[in-house]
Structure formats: C-alpha cells, structure tokens
C-alpha cells in the first residue's frame, strides 16, 4: 500500500487538536485511529515520518512520536525498520472518503470560516419559491414524480441557455443532476476505469480530484500557476508533447472562471485548446460551474465545447453557484448517447432529482440576467475591498486579480500553507491550503482566500493568518537547521 502524502493526511485531520479530550498526543492518536476505522485512510497505508507530520501539523516531533507509540501499543500501527509505519484498519473498504473536503461544510465552529467560497442565496430564490401555487404543481402531481433525466421543461430551458450562447442544443442532450458535484462524479463513474490517464489542470477543482481519485485514475497535471506569469494556466501544447506514449482517457478543464484561481481563458486560448483537443481526439469534460460568476462581460459565457464534437464532449453546469448552494440543480450537456449512459448510472443512486426544486430552477432561468448583474456588482466590491486590505496589511503576499469567482489565489512567500492552515485552525480561523487543489500536492505556498464573506470577515481573520504564516516559516527554518546539523554518515 502506498504512502499517504503528508498534505493529504493533514487535510483529513481537520479539527483534531480542538476536538476530544486529553493530552495532544492522545487526541492525535485518536484522530488517526478514527481515520483507519472509517477507512478514510486505506488499511496498510504508510504514514508520513514523524518529522514530516509534526512540521505540517505545527506540533512538536515528540507529540507525533508519542501518538505513533500509542497507536502501536493499541495495535493500530505497525512499524518496521526501513519501511516506515503502516496504519492498520478493518480492511473492509478499499477507498477512503475523499480528503476531508466536507470539513468546509460540516463543522463550522471557528471564529472565522474561510474554508468555503460558497455564496449566500439571492433573494430571488425566495421570491420564486413563494410565488409557486397549487396550480403550478397540479400537473406534476398527476404523475409519479420519477424523472431520471430531469423535468422536461427544465431540460428544454437549459438547452435554450446553450442555444443563446451559440451552441445548438436539444433537450435530449441534457441530464439534470443534483448539483455539479454529482455531475462530475457521474462522469468519473461512467468514463474512467482504474489506471486510466486523466489530464487535469494544475491547480484544479478539488471535488473533481476526489471523484477521479476514487476511480483510481492516473492523474497527469498540465501547466502551473504563479502571479504575473502564465495567467491562462495550463498549456494546450502539453497534449501534443505527450506524444504517442500517453493516451489520455479524458481531459478535465475549467476554461471559464477557474476554481481556485478565478482566471478565465480568452478567445485565443480557447481556440488553442479546442484545436489541441480535436487533434488528439481526446474526450473533454468542461466544467463551467463557476462560469456565471464572471465579473466582466455580459450574457451567457460561450463554452469551449462550441468548437468540439458532442460525441466526445461533456459540459457540466449548475445554478447553485449563482443563485444558492441550497438549490441542488446542476446538469450535464453532451450527446444523447452519453446522456443515456450517465442517466443509467444516476438511477442507481437516485431515481430523480427533487421535482419542486427543478420547477423553481425553470423560473430562475428566466432571471439569469438580473442575477448576474446582482452578483457581479457585489463580488466586484468585495474583491476590491479584499485587495485593498491585503495590500495594506499583507503587502508581501502576491496574487493576480481574478476574472471571476469568489476568492483570491494568494501566494504567501516562504510559507508552507499546509502548516499555516493547521496553526490558524487551532486559533479559530479555517482556510484551505493550495495543495488541496493540486493532483501532485503542489502549491504549498498558496492559499485560497475567499472574499465573498465580506471584508469584515477577512479583516478579523488576517491577524491570525499572518501570525500563523510567521509561525510556519519559523518552524520550517528550525526544521531545516536541525536537519543541517545532523552528523553525516
């Protein structure tokens, strides 16, 4: 069994230091045991070295040493010289439950929660719900309510949305899903087998990484990201450079309002990607979940899929980002054949998305222009306020102004943001480090910093974040100094 990366284990250990009782080593040991019991860490996984884990958790090495000893004494850890420490478990589940991403939503007990960039709901959602009448529901109540492909009126509305963007689409090309996350999961289930090569941007949406890892895909990242450099992120030329040796099963992209960077591809970059994808004849998954949060332009965004064949292209979309996360309405646009395949898998987990929510979504589609304007006005103000605050209070931090979305992708020079996030969390501030968005645990100096919660929230969190960053740098320097002082041989 492979070694679990230190960064991934740290994300799974969210909240361990503040939960439970007893000394810190006992709490850490209990948290690791619970990961094994739930199979969040597969049985037999090799844990990081004591020094590595201590550094990223922001605790002393003696704390980790004591925790490992407690686990070994109770039979949950097996240590062998030269092969590290392997965590034992029930062995009944092969795959873990992701990387602790739900910690962004399930336990918001901190002073300031910046772990999610999700937006508050728009008032128009309440208006639409309140305007529904018994007459609106009567035709639906005369049937059983099981609509595996989605409400026909909504499928037609989504198809019309794409036609307005210049992409000919019929309702038979639409599958309604419970949000965009389910859509991405369905794609992974339908199209990816263990060992398949999947090309992803680096960084990219962490929910997609979890869905693809659950299928044991071989993730190949393309491109990189650093302020003032390649603002378009991944390079389409990388597909050509793969040559015949690498044949990707699919490519997962976010060309319009990328999560987490907030950047968007311009027309030339989109054409370059479309050309490279068509040349390699590779299946493309275009995630446009955040596209309606673009802060410039007008009207529906034109998807990359406009220049690609339907038979080898999937577009993922949602209303949840723009209107309200509690409105779980997303979709897939593809060929009728692909839609039918995904629908068959979907019926194994739910027979139909909630019909009343879909009815609400039909009405909301007609209010997209107003919703875009409302969100754009507020997000622009929040982005400007966040940038002003950081330039004043954290002038050494770096970022590119995002073209959309609800967060800044910030570089904190000289800092391991995994350790920084652990320090901050124990002081009541929750943030997500950059490595959570990387297929190769990169971007250890990056932080996704949401501004959509308002400048006040960021201002309250900033002293703790600055202190935690400094503590992380000090621990990192101290660890390097101790390492350099070790006698050779």
Protein backbone atom coordinates (compact mmCIF):
# COMPACT_ATOMS: atom_id res chain seq x y z
CA UNK A 1 0.00 0.00 0.00
CA UNK A 2 1.31 3.46 -0.92
CA UNK A 3 2.41 6.15 1.48
CA UNK A 4 -0.27 8.74 2.11
CA UNK A 5 1.07 12.24 1.32
CA UNK A 6 1.58 14.42 4.37
CA UNK A 7 -0.58 17.18 2.89
CA UNK A 8 -3.50 14.82 2.29
CA UNK A 9 -3.30 13.38 5.80
CA UNK A 10 -3.24 16.89 7.27
CA UNK A 11 -6.46 17.76 5.44
CA UNK A 12 -8.13 14.62 6.75
CA UNK A 13 -7.06 15.55 10.29
CA UNK A 14 -9.00 18.80 10.25
CA UNK A 15 -10.08 19.80 13.76
CA UNK A 16 -8.20 17.05 15.60
CA UNK A 17 -6.42 19.38 18.04
CA UNK A 18 -9.59 21.09 19.26
CA UNK A 19 -11.80 18.00 19.45
CA UNK A 20 -11.84 15.32 22.12
CA UNK A 21 -10.10 15.47 25.47
CA UNK A 22 -6.77 14.58 26.98
CA UNK A 23 -3.20 15.47 26.03
CA UNK A 24 -2.37 16.46 22.45
CA UNK A 25 -0.66 13.11 21.60
CA UNK A 26 -3.77 11.21 22.70
CA UNK A 27 -6.03 13.42 20.58
CA UNK A 28 -3.79 12.93 17.55
CA UNK A 29 -3.68 9.17 18.08
CA UNK A 30 -7.48 9.04 18.42
CA UNK A 31 -7.92 11.07 15.22
CA UNK A 32 -5.61 8.74 13.26
CA UNK A 33 -7.40 5.69 14.65
CA UNK A 34 -10.76 7.12 13.57
CA UNK A 35 -9.41 7.64 10.04
CA UNK A 36 -8.45 3.97 9.98
CA UNK A 37 -11.81 2.84 11.39
CA UNK A 38 -13.74 4.81 8.76
CA UNK A 39 -11.27 3.73 6.04
CA UNK A 40 -10.69 7.38 5.17
CA UNK A 41 -7.08 6.18 5.11
CA UNK A 42 -7.00 2.71 3.50
CA UNK A 43 -5.68 -0.11 5.67
CA UNK A 44 -1.97 -0.66 5.15
CA UNK A 45 -1.16 2.93 4.17
CA UNK A 46 2.28 4.09 5.22
CA UNK A 47 2.11 7.21 7.36
CA UNK A 48 4.46 10.17 6.93
CA UNK A 49 7.60 10.32 9.00
CA UNK A 50 7.27 11.82 12.46
CA UNK A 51 9.25 14.89 11.43
CA UNK A 52 7.17 15.49 8.28
CA UNK A 53 3.85 15.20 10.07
CA UNK A 54 4.98 17.35 13.01
CA UNK A 55 6.06 20.09 10.63
CA UNK A 56 2.81 20.23 8.67
CA UNK A 57 0.59 19.95 11.77
CA UNK A 58 2.55 22.64 13.60
CA UNK A 59 3.30 20.49 16.66
CA UNK A 60 6.48 19.17 18.23
CA UNK A 61 8.01 15.99 16.92
CA UNK A 62 7.62 14.48 20.39
CA UNK A 63 3.83 14.88 20.07
CA UNK A 64 3.78 12.81 16.88
CA UNK A 65 6.23 10.28 18.31
CA UNK A 66 4.00 9.78 21.34
CA UNK A 67 0.88 9.50 19.17
CA UNK A 68 2.51 6.84 16.96
CA UNK A 69 3.59 4.95 20.09
CA UNK A 70 0.04 4.98 21.45
CA UNK A 71 -1.27 3.62 18.15
CA UNK A 72 1.40 0.92 18.06
CA UNK A 73 0.62 -0.14 21.63
CA UNK A 74 -3.09 -0.49 20.79
CA UNK A 75 -2.42 -2.44 17.58
CA UNK A 76 -3.40 0.25 15.10
CA UNK A 77 0.12 0.89 13.83
CA UNK A 78 2.84 -1.44 12.62
CA UNK A 79 6.37 -0.09 12.44
CA UNK A 80 9.15 -1.80 10.55
CA UNK A 81 12.70 -0.58 10.25
CA UNK A 82 13.32 0.72 6.76
CA UNK A 83 9.69 0.56 5.65
CA UNK A 84 8.03 3.13 7.91
CA UNK A 85 4.83 2.94 9.95
CA UNK A 86 1.75 1.32 8.43
CA UNK A 87 -1.71 2.17 9.70
CA UNK A 88 -3.94 -0.81 10.28
CA UNK A 89 -7.71 -0.85 9.76
CA UNK A 90 -10.68 -3.07 9.21
CA UNK A 91 -9.74 -3.60 5.57
CA UNK A 92 -13.43 -3.78 4.64
CA UNK A 93 -13.36 -0.70 2.42
CA UNK A 94 -10.75 -0.20 -0.29
CA UNK A 95 -11.20 3.50 -0.86
CA UNK A 96 -11.31 6.35 1.60
CA UNK A 97 -13.94 9.03 1.77
CA UNK A 98 -12.01 11.74 -0.03
CA UNK A 99 -9.73 14.31 1.53
CA UNK A 100 -11.79 15.98 4.19
CA UNK A 101 -13.42 18.44 1.77
CA UNK A 102 -16.69 18.18 3.66
CA UNK A 103 -14.91 19.80 6.60
CA UNK A 104 -15.66 23.03 4.72
CA UNK A 105 -19.33 22.48 5.47
CA UNK A 106 -19.91 20.07 8.35
CA UNK A 107 -18.35 21.69 11.43
CA UNK A 108 -18.15 25.46 11.27
CA UNK A 109 -17.16 26.19 14.81
CA UNK A 110 -14.26 28.56 14.26
CA UNK A 111 -14.20 32.29 14.84
CA UNK A 112 -13.90 32.91 11.09
CA UNK A 113 -14.63 30.27 8.44
CA UNK A 114 -12.82 30.95 5.17
CA UNK A 115 -12.73 27.30 4.13
CA UNK A 116 -15.52 27.70 1.58
CA UNK A 117 -16.15 30.25 -1.12
CA UNK A 118 -19.85 29.39 -1.34
CA UNK A 119 -22.14 32.40 -1.61
CA UNK A 120 -25.25 33.37 0.34
CA UNK A 121 -28.52 32.85 -1.50
CA UNK A 122 -30.11 35.52 -3.66
CA UNK A 123 -33.48 36.89 -2.58
CA UNK A 124 -34.93 35.99 -5.97
CA UNK A 125 -34.88 32.33 -4.93
CA UNK A 126 -37.29 33.10 -2.11
CA UNK A 127 -39.44 35.18 -4.46
CA UNK A 128 -39.76 32.31 -6.92
CA UNK A 129 -40.49 29.73 -4.22
CA UNK A 130 -43.09 32.00 -2.64
CA UNK A 131 -44.83 32.55 -5.98
CA UNK A 132 -45.42 28.82 -6.63
CA UNK A 133 -49.06 27.83 -6.39
CA UNK A 134 -51.07 24.63 -6.26
CA UNK A 135 -51.89 25.15 -9.93
CA UNK A 136 -48.15 25.05 -10.75
CA UNK A 137 -47.81 21.69 -9.00
CA UNK A 138 -51.08 20.12 -10.14
CA UNK A 139 -49.82 18.77 -13.50
CA UNK A 140 -46.76 17.26 -11.81
CA UNK A 141 -48.81 15.62 -9.07
CA UNK A 142 -50.79 13.67 -11.65
CA UNK A 143 -47.64 11.61 -12.36
CA UNK A 144 -45.35 9.60 -10.06
CA UNK A 145 -42.62 12.28 -9.97
CA UNK A 146 -39.76 9.99 -11.05
CA UNK A 147 -37.90 11.78 -13.83
CA UNK A 148 -34.47 10.15 -14.29
CA UNK A 149 -33.40 12.62 -16.97
CA UNK A 150 -34.96 15.64 -15.31
CA UNK A 151 -38.09 17.76 -15.66
CA UNK A 152 -38.72 18.15 -19.42
CA UNK A 153 -39.41 21.87 -19.03
CA UNK A 154 -36.07 22.35 -17.26
CA UNK A 155 -34.15 20.28 -19.83
CA UNK A 156 -35.58 22.48 -22.58
CA UNK A 157 -34.73 25.62 -20.58
CA UNK A 158 -31.11 24.54 -20.16
CA UNK A 159 -30.90 23.63 -23.85
CA UNK A 160 -32.19 27.12 -24.71
CA UNK A 161 -29.50 28.58 -22.44
CA UNK A 162 -26.82 26.95 -24.62
CA UNK A 163 -28.53 27.94 -27.84
CA UNK A 164 -28.44 31.56 -26.63
CA UNK A 165 -24.67 31.13 -26.18
CA UNK A 166 -24.35 29.99 -29.79
CA UNK A 167 -24.18 26.25 -29.15
CA UNK A 168 -27.00 24.29 -30.84
CA UNK A 169 -28.52 22.05 -28.17
CA UNK A 170 -31.67 19.98 -27.81
CA UNK A 171 -33.31 18.82 -24.56
CA UNK A 172 -32.26 15.23 -25.31
CA UNK A 173 -28.67 16.41 -24.74
CA UNK A 174 -29.36 17.47 -21.14
CA UNK A 175 -29.28 15.40 -17.95
CA UNK A 176 -30.35 17.18 -14.75
CA UNK A 177 -28.21 16.30 -11.71
CA UNK A 178 -28.13 17.09 -8.02
CA UNK A 179 -25.60 19.91 -8.41
CA UNK A 180 -22.42 19.95 -10.44
CA UNK A 181 -20.56 17.72 -7.99
CA UNK A 182 -22.87 14.81 -8.79
CA UNK A 183 -22.37 15.55 -12.48
CA UNK A 184 -18.59 15.29 -12.14
CA UNK A 185 -18.95 12.10 -10.08
CA UNK A 186 -21.20 10.53 -12.74
CA UNK A 187 -18.67 11.36 -15.44
CA UNK A 188 -15.89 9.72 -13.45
CA UNK A 189 -18.01 6.63 -12.84
CA UNK A 190 -19.04 6.30 -16.49
CA UNK A 191 -15.83 7.11 -18.30
CA UNK A 192 -12.85 6.33 -16.06
CA UNK A 193 -11.52 2.88 -15.20
CA UNK A 194 -8.71 2.16 -12.73
CA UNK A 195 -5.37 3.05 -14.28
CA UNK A 196 -6.80 5.36 -16.95
CA UNK A 197 -4.82 8.52 -17.61
CA UNK A 198 -6.78 11.71 -16.95
CA UNK A 199 -5.28 15.09 -17.74
CA UNK A 200 -6.15 17.86 -15.29
CA UNK A 201 -5.08 21.44 -14.86
CA UNK A 202 -2.73 22.21 -12.02
CA UNK A 203 -4.30 23.53 -9.81
CA UNK A 204 -7.90 22.47 -10.32
CA UNK A 205 -11.22 21.90 -8.53
CA UNK A 206 -10.62 19.60 -5.58
CA UNK A 207 -14.04 17.94 -5.88
CA UNK A 208 -13.03 16.70 -9.32
CA UNK A 209 -9.72 15.39 -7.98
CA UNK A 210 -11.61 13.39 -5.35
CA UNK A 211 -14.05 11.96 -7.90
CA UNK A 212 -11.22 10.91 -10.23
CA UNK A 213 -9.05 9.51 -7.44
CA UNK A 214 -11.99 7.41 -6.26
CA UNK A 215 -11.79 5.68 -9.66
CA UNK A 216 -8.03 5.14 -9.20
CA UNK A 217 -7.28 7.28 -12.24
CA UNK A 218 -3.70 8.21 -13.10
CA UNK A 219 -3.83 11.99 -12.87
CA UNK A 220 -1.46 13.91 -15.13
CA UNK A 221 -1.31 17.64 -14.37
CA UNK A 222 -0.54 20.16 -17.09
CA UNK A 223 0.57 23.73 -16.64
CA UNK A 224 1.20 25.65 -13.49
CA UNK A 225 0.37 28.95 -11.95
CA UNK A 226 2.31 31.83 -10.50
CA UNK A 227 1.44 35.53 -10.19
CA UNK A 228 2.45 37.68 -13.12
CA UNK A 229 3.35 34.71 -15.30
CA UNK A 230 1.14 32.29 -17.22
CA UNK A 231 -2.25 33.77 -16.42
CA UNK A 232 -4.05 31.24 -18.61
CA UNK A 233 -2.80 28.33 -16.51
CA UNK A 234 -2.49 25.02 -18.35
CA UNK A 235 -0.81 24.93 -21.74
CA UNK A 236 -2.74 23.15 -24.53
CA UNK A 237 0.61 22.38 -26.16
CA UNK A 238 1.20 19.87 -23.38
CA UNK A 239 -1.26 17.50 -25.08
CA UNK A 240 0.88 17.49 -28.21
CA UNK A 241 4.06 16.99 -26.23
CA UNK A 242 2.67 13.83 -24.65
CA UNK A 243 3.17 12.10 -27.99
CA UNK A 244 2.03 8.54 -28.57
CA UNK A 245 3.32 7.35 -25.19
CA UNK A 246 0.44 8.93 -23.26
CA UNK A 247 -3.12 8.41 -24.43
CA UNK A 248 -5.45 10.26 -22.03
CA UNK A 249 -8.87 8.79 -21.38
CA UNK A 250 -10.17 12.30 -20.89
CA UNK A 251 -9.16 15.88 -20.15
CA UNK A 252 -10.90 17.81 -17.36
CA UNK A 253 -10.83 21.61 -17.80
CA UNK A 254 -12.33 24.78 -16.32
CA UNK A 255 -11.78 27.33 -19.09
CA UNK A 256 -14.31 29.90 -17.80
CA UNK A 257 -13.84 31.18 -14.23
CA UNK A 258 -11.44 28.60 -12.90
CA UNK A 259 -11.60 27.26 -9.36
CA UNK A 260 -9.43 28.12 -7.41
CA UNK A 261 -7.53 30.75 -9.43
CA UNK A 262 -10.51 32.72 -10.78
CA UNK A 263 -8.83 33.14 -14.15
CA UNK A 264 -10.60 32.71 -17.49
CA UNK A 265 -9.34 31.80 -20.94
CA UNK A 266 -9.65 34.44 -23.62
CA UNK A 267 -10.88 33.62 -27.12
CA UNK A 268 -7.43 32.81 -28.50
CA UNK A 269 -6.62 30.46 -25.64
CA UNK A 270 -9.97 28.68 -26.01
CA UNK A 271 -9.34 28.19 -29.73
CA UNK A 272 -5.87 26.79 -28.99
CA UNK A 273 -7.33 24.30 -26.53
CA UNK A 274 -10.12 23.30 -28.93
CA UNK A 275 -7.55 22.71 -31.68
CA UNK A 276 -5.29 20.60 -29.45
CA UNK A 277 -8.21 18.52 -28.12
CA UNK A 278 -9.60 17.90 -31.60
CA UNK A 279 -6.17 16.96 -32.92
CA UNK A 280 -5.63 14.37 -30.20
CA UNK A 281 -9.28 13.22 -30.40
CA UNK A 282 -9.46 13.09 -26.63
CA UNK A 283 -12.69 13.12 -24.62
CA UNK A 284 -13.18 16.50 -22.96
CA UNK A 285 -15.01 17.37 -19.74
CA UNK A 286 -15.59 21.11 -19.48
CA UNK A 287 -16.68 22.22 -16.02
CA UNK A 288 -18.43 25.58 -16.21
CA UNK A 289 -19.81 25.50 -12.66
CA UNK A 290 -18.40 28.96 -11.80
CA UNK A 291 -18.85 30.49 -15.27
CA UNK A 292 -21.84 32.60 -14.21
CA UNK A 293 -19.62 34.30 -11.61
CA UNK A 294 -17.56 36.07 -14.29
CA UNK A 295 -17.01 39.68 -13.24
CA UNK A 296 -16.71 41.04 -16.76
CA UNK A 297 -18.68 40.60 -19.96
CA UNK A 298 -22.40 40.14 -20.45
CA UNK A 299 -24.75 37.32 -21.38
CA UNK A 300 -24.13 33.57 -21.08
CA UNK A 301 -20.48 32.50 -21.40
CA UNK A 302 -19.57 30.64 -24.59
CA UNK A 303 -18.31 27.15 -23.67
CA UNK A 304 -15.19 25.61 -25.12
CA UNK A 305 -17.48 22.80 -26.30
CA UNK A 306 -18.77 25.10 -29.03
CA UNK A 307 -15.75 24.05 -31.11
CA UNK A 308 -15.78 20.34 -30.23
CA UNK A 309 -17.91 17.35 -31.28
CA UNK A 310 -20.80 16.49 -28.95
CA UNK A 311 -19.96 12.78 -29.02
CA UNK A 312 -16.65 13.34 -27.21
CA UNK A 313 -17.52 16.36 -25.07
CA UNK A 314 -19.32 16.86 -21.77
CA UNK A 315 -20.20 20.26 -20.31
CA UNK A 316 -21.01 20.46 -16.60
CA UNK A 317 -23.08 23.36 -15.31
CA UNK A 318 -25.14 24.44 -12.30
CA UNK A 319 -27.46 27.09 -10.90
CA UNK A 320 -26.18 26.54 -7.35
CA UNK A 321 -23.14 28.82 -7.62
CA UNK A 322 -25.06 31.82 -8.92
CA UNK A 323 -28.36 31.55 -7.05
CA UNK A 324 -27.84 29.47 -3.89
CA UNK A 325 -25.91 26.40 -2.78
CA UNK A 326 -29.08 25.02 -1.21
CA UNK A 327 -30.62 24.79 -4.69
CA UNK A 328 -29.12 21.49 -5.79
CA UNK A 329 -29.67 21.75 -9.53
CA UNK A 330 -26.87 21.00 -11.95
CA UNK A 331 -26.63 19.35 -15.33
CA UNK A 332 -24.62 17.61 -17.99
CA UNK A 333 -24.71 18.59 -21.66
CA UNK A 334 -23.44 16.00 -24.14
CA UNK A 335 -24.62 13.69 -26.91
CA UNK A 336 -27.88 11.79 -26.30
CA UNK A 337 -25.87 8.55 -26.10
CA UNK A 338 -23.58 9.85 -23.34
CA UNK A 339 -26.55 11.38 -21.51
CA UNK A 340 -28.33 8.00 -21.55
CA UNK A 341 -25.24 6.27 -20.17
CA UNK A 342 -24.91 8.75 -17.33
CA UNK A 343 -28.62 8.59 -16.56
CA UNK A 344 -28.42 4.82 -16.18
CA UNK A 345 -25.69 5.21 -13.54
CA UNK A 346 -27.57 8.04 -11.86
CA UNK A 347 -30.66 5.88 -11.29
CA UNK A 348 -28.54 3.56 -9.15
CA UNK A 349 -28.07 6.36 -6.58
CA UNK A 350 -31.28 8.39 -7.04
CA UNK A 351 -34.32 7.87 -9.24
CA UNK A 352 -34.91 11.56 -9.76
CA UNK A 353 -33.74 14.96 -8.61
CA UNK A 354 -36.36 16.79 -6.47
CA UNK A 355 -39.07 17.90 -8.87
CA UNK A 356 -40.13 21.01 -6.95
CA UNK A 357 -36.52 22.30 -6.99
CA UNK A 358 -36.46 21.73 -10.73
CA UNK A 359 -39.66 23.71 -11.11
CA UNK A 360 -38.03 26.55 -9.18
CA UNK A 361 -34.97 26.26 -11.45
CA UNK A 362 -37.17 26.70 -14.56
CA UNK A 363 -38.39 30.03 -13.19
CA UNK A 364 -34.89 31.10 -12.18
CA UNK A 365 -33.51 30.53 -15.66
CA UNK A 366 -35.66 33.45 -16.76
CA UNK A 367 -33.99 35.65 -14.15
CA UNK A 368 -30.39 34.94 -15.08
CA UNK A 369 -29.58 38.44 -16.42
CA UNK A 370 -30.71 40.15 -13.21
CA UNK A 371 -28.91 37.56 -11.05
CA UNK A 372 -25.66 38.05 -12.99
CA UNK A 373 -25.84 41.80 -12.50
CA UNK A 374 -26.55 41.48 -8.78
CA UNK A 375 -23.72 39.03 -8.13
CA UNK A 376 -21.26 40.92 -10.32
CA UNK A 377 -21.85 44.22 -8.52
CA UNK A 378 -21.41 42.73 -5.05
CA UNK A 379 -18.44 40.50 -5.92
CA UNK A 380 -16.57 43.35 -7.58
CA UNK A 381 -16.94 45.45 -4.43
CA UNK A 382 -15.85 42.56 -2.23
CA UNK A 383 -12.86 41.80 -4.45
CA UNK A 384 -11.74 45.45 -4.36
CA UNK A 385 -12.12 45.56 -0.57
CA UNK A 386 -10.13 42.37 -0.07
CA UNK A 387 -7.31 43.54 -2.34
CA UNK A 388 -7.11 46.90 -0.58
CA UNK A 389 -6.95 45.19 2.81
CA UNK A 390 -4.22 42.75 1.78
CA UNK A 391 -2.12 45.44 0.10
CA UNK A 392 -2.25 47.39 3.35
CA UNK A 393 -1.85 44.60 5.93
CA UNK A 394 -0.02 41.85 4.00
CA UNK A 395 1.98 43.69 1.31
CA UNK A 396 4.37 40.75 0.81
CA UNK A 397 1.53 38.42 -0.27
CA UNK A 398 1.05 38.02 -4.01
CA UNK A 399 -1.93 37.33 -6.29
CA UNK A 400 -3.36 38.04 -9.72
CA UNK A 401 -6.70 39.80 -9.87
CA UNK A 402 -9.28 37.06 -10.62
CA UNK A 403 -11.57 37.44 -13.62
CA UNK A 404 -14.38 35.84 -11.66
CA UNK A 405 -15.36 33.67 -8.74
CA UNK A 406 -15.39 34.48 -5.05
CA UNK A 407 -11.79 34.11 -3.87
CA UNK A 408 -8.18 35.23 -4.32
CA UNK A 409 -5.48 32.67 -5.11
CA UNK A 410 -2.75 34.05 -2.86
CA UNK A 411 0.94 33.21 -2.67
CA UNK A 412 2.43 33.51 0.82
CA UNK A 413 6.19 33.60 0.14
CA UNK A 414 8.40 31.33 2.22
CA UNK A 415 5.42 29.70 3.95
CA UNK A 416 4.14 26.14 3.99
CA UNK A 417 0.43 26.90 3.84
CA UNK A 418 -0.46 23.37 4.99
CA UNK A 419 1.23 24.08 8.32
CA UNK A 420 -0.10 27.64 8.28
CA UNK A 421 -3.66 26.35 7.90
CA UNK A 422 -3.19 23.97 10.82
CA UNK A 423 -1.91 26.75 13.07
CA UNK A 424 -4.76 29.06 12.01
CA UNK A 425 -7.42 26.41 12.53
CA UNK A 426 -6.34 25.86 16.12
CA UNK A 427 -6.79 29.59 16.64
CA UNK A 428 -10.30 29.67 15.21
CA UNK A 429 -9.69 30.51 11.53
CA UNK A 430 -10.37 27.91 8.84
CA UNK A 431 -8.69 28.20 5.44
CA UNK A 432 -7.79 25.80 2.62
CA UNK A 433 -4.14 25.47 1.57
CA UNK A 434 -3.12 25.38 -2.08
CA UNK A 435 -2.05 21.73 -2.14
CA UNK A 436 -5.72 20.69 -1.77
CA UNK A 437 -6.22 21.82 -5.36
CA UNK A 438 -3.25 20.00 -6.86
CA UNK A 439 -3.06 16.49 -8.28
CA UNK A 440 0.55 16.30 -7.11
CA UNK A 441 0.23 18.14 -3.79
CA UNK A 442 1.87 21.22 -5.22
CA UNK A 443 1.30 24.90 -4.43
CA UNK A 444 2.45 24.51 -0.85
CA UNK A 445 2.92 28.29 -0.74
CA UNK A 446 -0.63 29.07 -1.89
CA UNK A 447 -3.87 29.80 -0.10
CA UNK A 448 -7.40 30.17 -1.42
CA UNK A 449 -8.76 33.23 0.35
CA UNK A 450 -12.49 33.86 -0.18
CA UNK A 451 -13.57 37.48 -0.30
CA UNK A 452 -17.28 36.76 -0.77
CA UNK A 453 -17.82 36.63 3.01
CA UNK A 454 -17.08 40.34 3.17
CA UNK A 455 -14.08 42.44 4.15
CA UNK A 456 -15.03 42.31 7.85
CA UNK A 457 -14.55 38.53 7.97
CA UNK A 458 -11.21 38.76 6.22
CA UNK A 459 -10.11 41.59 8.49
CA UNK A 460 -10.93 39.54 11.60
CA UNK A 461 -9.03 36.54 10.22
CA UNK A 462 -5.96 38.37 8.94
CA UNK A 463 -4.05 38.82 12.24
CA UNK A 464 -4.33 35.09 12.90
CA UNK A 465 -3.33 34.23 9.32
CA UNK A 466 -0.29 36.49 9.48
CA UNK A 467 0.74 35.06 12.85
CA UNK A 468 0.24 31.51 11.59
CA UNK A 469 2.26 32.19 8.46
CA UNK A 470 5.13 33.54 10.56
CA UNK A 471 4.93 30.55 12.91
CA UNK A 472 5.02 28.19 9.91
CA UNK A 473 8.09 29.95 8.49
CA UNK A 474 9.85 29.75 11.86
CA UNK A 475 9.09 26.04 12.25
CA UNK A 476 10.23 25.39 8.69
CA UNK A 477 13.52 27.23 9.23
CA UNK A 478 14.07 25.48 12.55
CA UNK A 479 13.48 22.06 10.97
CA UNK A 480 15.95 22.82 8.18
CA UNK A 481 18.50 23.99 10.71
CA UNK A 482 18.18 20.78 12.75
CA UNK A 483 18.41 18.72 9.59
CA UNK A 484 21.58 20.51 8.55
CA UNK A 485 23.09 19.97 11.98
CA UNK A 486 22.74 16.18 11.79
CA UNK A 487 26.13 14.41 11.62
CA UNK A 488 26.89 12.84 8.25
CA UNK A 489 27.32 9.11 7.75
